[in-house]
């Protein structure tokens, strides 16, 4: 399961909905939460349980709460 949110200020009744963009080849781990207005770049990896509060650059890996970049081996 992955959670996508689209409203930074609920309950806004749709007045502040934001798009989330997931590019090609992205891998998202189980129980990750993606906040609204985020873009996850091509071939990026989001670790299990991560809470993504900022956009993720292409090819990068993020983990944790809040999600932070890690170096891939």
C-alpha atoms as a PDB file:
ATOM      1  CA  UNK A   1       0.000   0.000   0.000  1.00  0.00           C
ATOM      2  CA  UNK A   2       1.079   3.547  -0.773  1.00  0.00           C
ATOM      3  CA  UNK A   3      -0.751   6.669   0.421  1.00  0.00           C
ATOM      4  CA  UNK A   4      -1.085   9.679  -1.896  1.00  0.00           C
ATOM      5  CA  UNK A   5      -2.556  12.869  -0.460  1.00  0.00           C
ATOM      6  CA  UNK A   6      -3.820  15.789  -2.556  1.00  0.00           C
ATOM      7  CA  UNK A   7      -4.834  18.454  -0.050  1.00  0.00           C
ATOM      8  CA  UNK A   8      -2.359  20.397   2.123  1.00  0.00           C
ATOM      9  CA  UNK A   9      -5.119  22.023   4.177  1.00  0.00           C
ATOM     10  CA  UNK A  10      -8.042  19.627   4.626  1.00  0.00           C
ATOM     11  CA  UNK A  11     -10.969  20.062   4.606  1.00  0.00           C
ATOM     12  CA  UNK A  12     -10.606  22.582   1.812  1.00  0.00           C
ATOM     13  CA  UNK A  13     -13.448  21.099  -0.279  1.00  0.00           C
ATOM     14  CA  UNK A  14     -11.173  20.854  -3.313  1.00  0.00           C
ATOM     15  CA  UNK A  15      -9.958  24.457  -3.260  1.00  0.00           C
ATOM     16  CA  UNK A  16      -6.298  23.606  -2.569  1.00  0.00           C
ATOM     17  CA  UNK A  17      -5.849  20.245  -4.303  1.00  0.00           C
ATOM     18  CA  UNK A  18      -2.416  19.741  -5.794  1.00  0.00           C
ATOM     19  CA  UNK A  19      -1.138  17.300  -8.420  1.00  0.00           C
ATOM     20  CA  UNK A  20       1.406  14.626  -7.629  1.00  0.00           C
ATOM     21  CA  UNK A  21       3.626  13.566 -10.539  1.00  0.00           C
ATOM     22  CA  UNK A  22       5.285  10.151 -10.657  1.00  0.00           C
ATOM     23  CA  UNK A  23       7.698   9.823 -13.597  1.00  0.00           C
ATOM     24  CA  UNK A  24       8.605   6.656 -15.517  1.00  0.00           C
ATOM     25  CA  UNK A  25      10.466   3.836 -13.775  1.00  0.00           C
ATOM     26  CA  UNK A  26       9.853   5.000 -10.196  1.00  0.00           C
ATOM     27  CA  UNK A  27       9.841   2.380  -7.425  1.00  0.00           C
ATOM     28  CA  UNK A  28       7.814   3.135  -4.282  1.00  0.00           C
ATOM     29  CA  UNK A  29       8.161   0.887  -1.232  1.00  0.00           C
ATOM     30  CA  UNK A  30       5.321  -0.430   0.899  1.00  0.00           C
ATOM     31  CA  UNK A  31       3.536   1.980   3.247  1.00  0.00           C
ATOM     32  CA  UNK A  32       5.188   5.095   1.802  1.00  0.00           C
ATOM     33  CA  UNK A  33       3.237   8.356   2.079  1.00  0.00           C
ATOM     34  CA  UNK A  34       3.503  10.946  -0.713  1.00  0.00           C
ATOM     35  CA  UNK A  35       2.347  14.464   0.200  1.00  0.00           C
ATOM     36  CA  UNK A  36       0.610  16.754  -2.324  1.00  0.00           C
ATOM     37  CA  UNK A  37       2.449  18.807  -4.924  1.00  0.00           C
ATOM     38  CA  UNK A  38       5.368  16.357  -5.104  1.00  0.00           C
ATOM     39  CA  UNK A  39       7.193  15.242  -8.250  1.00  0.00           C
ATOM     40  CA  UNK A  40       9.183  12.022  -8.179  1.00  0.00           C
ATOM     41  CA  UNK A  41      11.723  11.960 -11.012  1.00  0.00           C
ATOM     42  CA  UNK A  42      12.461   9.109 -13.416  1.00  0.00           C
ATOM     43  CA  UNK A  43      14.024   5.961 -11.923  1.00  0.00           C
ATOM     44  CA  UNK A  44      13.886   7.354  -8.369  1.00  0.00           C
ATOM     45  CA  UNK A  45      13.381   4.992  -5.434  1.00  0.00           C
ATOM     46  CA  UNK A  46      11.226   5.731  -2.381  1.00  0.00           C
ATOM     47  CA  UNK A  47      11.966   3.399   0.535  1.00  0.00           C
ATOM     48  CA  UNK A  48       9.320   1.499   2.457  1.00  0.00           C
ATOM     49  CA  UNK A  49       7.593   3.639   5.073  1.00  0.00           C
ATOM     50  CA  UNK A  50       9.094   6.902   3.775  1.00  0.00           C
ATOM     51  CA  UNK A  51       7.136  10.137   4.142  1.00  0.00           C
ATOM     52  CA  UNK A  52       7.937  12.209   1.052  1.00  0.00           C
ATOM     53  CA  UNK A  53       7.536  15.920   1.855  1.00  0.00           C
ATOM     54  CA  UNK A  54       9.632  17.336  -1.011  1.00  0.00           C
ATOM     55  CA  UNK A  55      10.136  16.463  -4.667  1.00  0.00           C
ATOM     56  CA  UNK A  56      12.652  13.702  -5.442  1.00  0.00           C
ATOM     57  CA  UNK A  57      15.277  14.157  -8.170  1.00  0.00           C
ATOM     58  CA  UNK A  58      15.547  11.628 -10.999  1.00  0.00           C
ATOM     59  CA  UNK A  59      17.642   8.567 -10.171  1.00  0.00           C
ATOM     60  CA  UNK A  60      17.886   9.351  -6.428  1.00  0.00           C
ATOM     61  CA  UNK A  61      16.880   7.187  -3.463  1.00  0.00           C
ATOM     62  CA  UNK A  62      15.005   8.557  -0.435  1.00  0.00           C
ATOM     63  CA  UNK A  63      14.156   6.878   2.878  1.00  0.00           C
ATOM     64  CA  UNK A  64      12.832   7.827   6.304  1.00  0.00           C
ATOM     65  CA  UNK A  65      10.436  10.279   7.896  1.00  0.00           C
ATOM     66  CA  UNK A  66      10.780  12.847   6.502  1.00  0.00           C
ATOM     67  CA  UNK A  67      12.337  11.234   3.429  1.00  0.00           C
ATOM     68  CA  UNK A  68      16.004  12.091   2.869  1.00  0.00           C
ATOM     69  CA  UNK A  69      18.464  11.202   0.137  1.00  0.00           C
ATOM     70  CA  UNK A  70      20.840   8.282   0.659  1.00  0.00           C
ATOM     71  CA  UNK A  71      23.793   7.179  -1.416  1.00  0.00           C
ATOM     72  CA  UNK A  72      23.128   4.089  -3.498  1.00  0.00           C
ATOM     73  CA  UNK A  73      25.801   1.374  -3.485  1.00  0.00           C
END
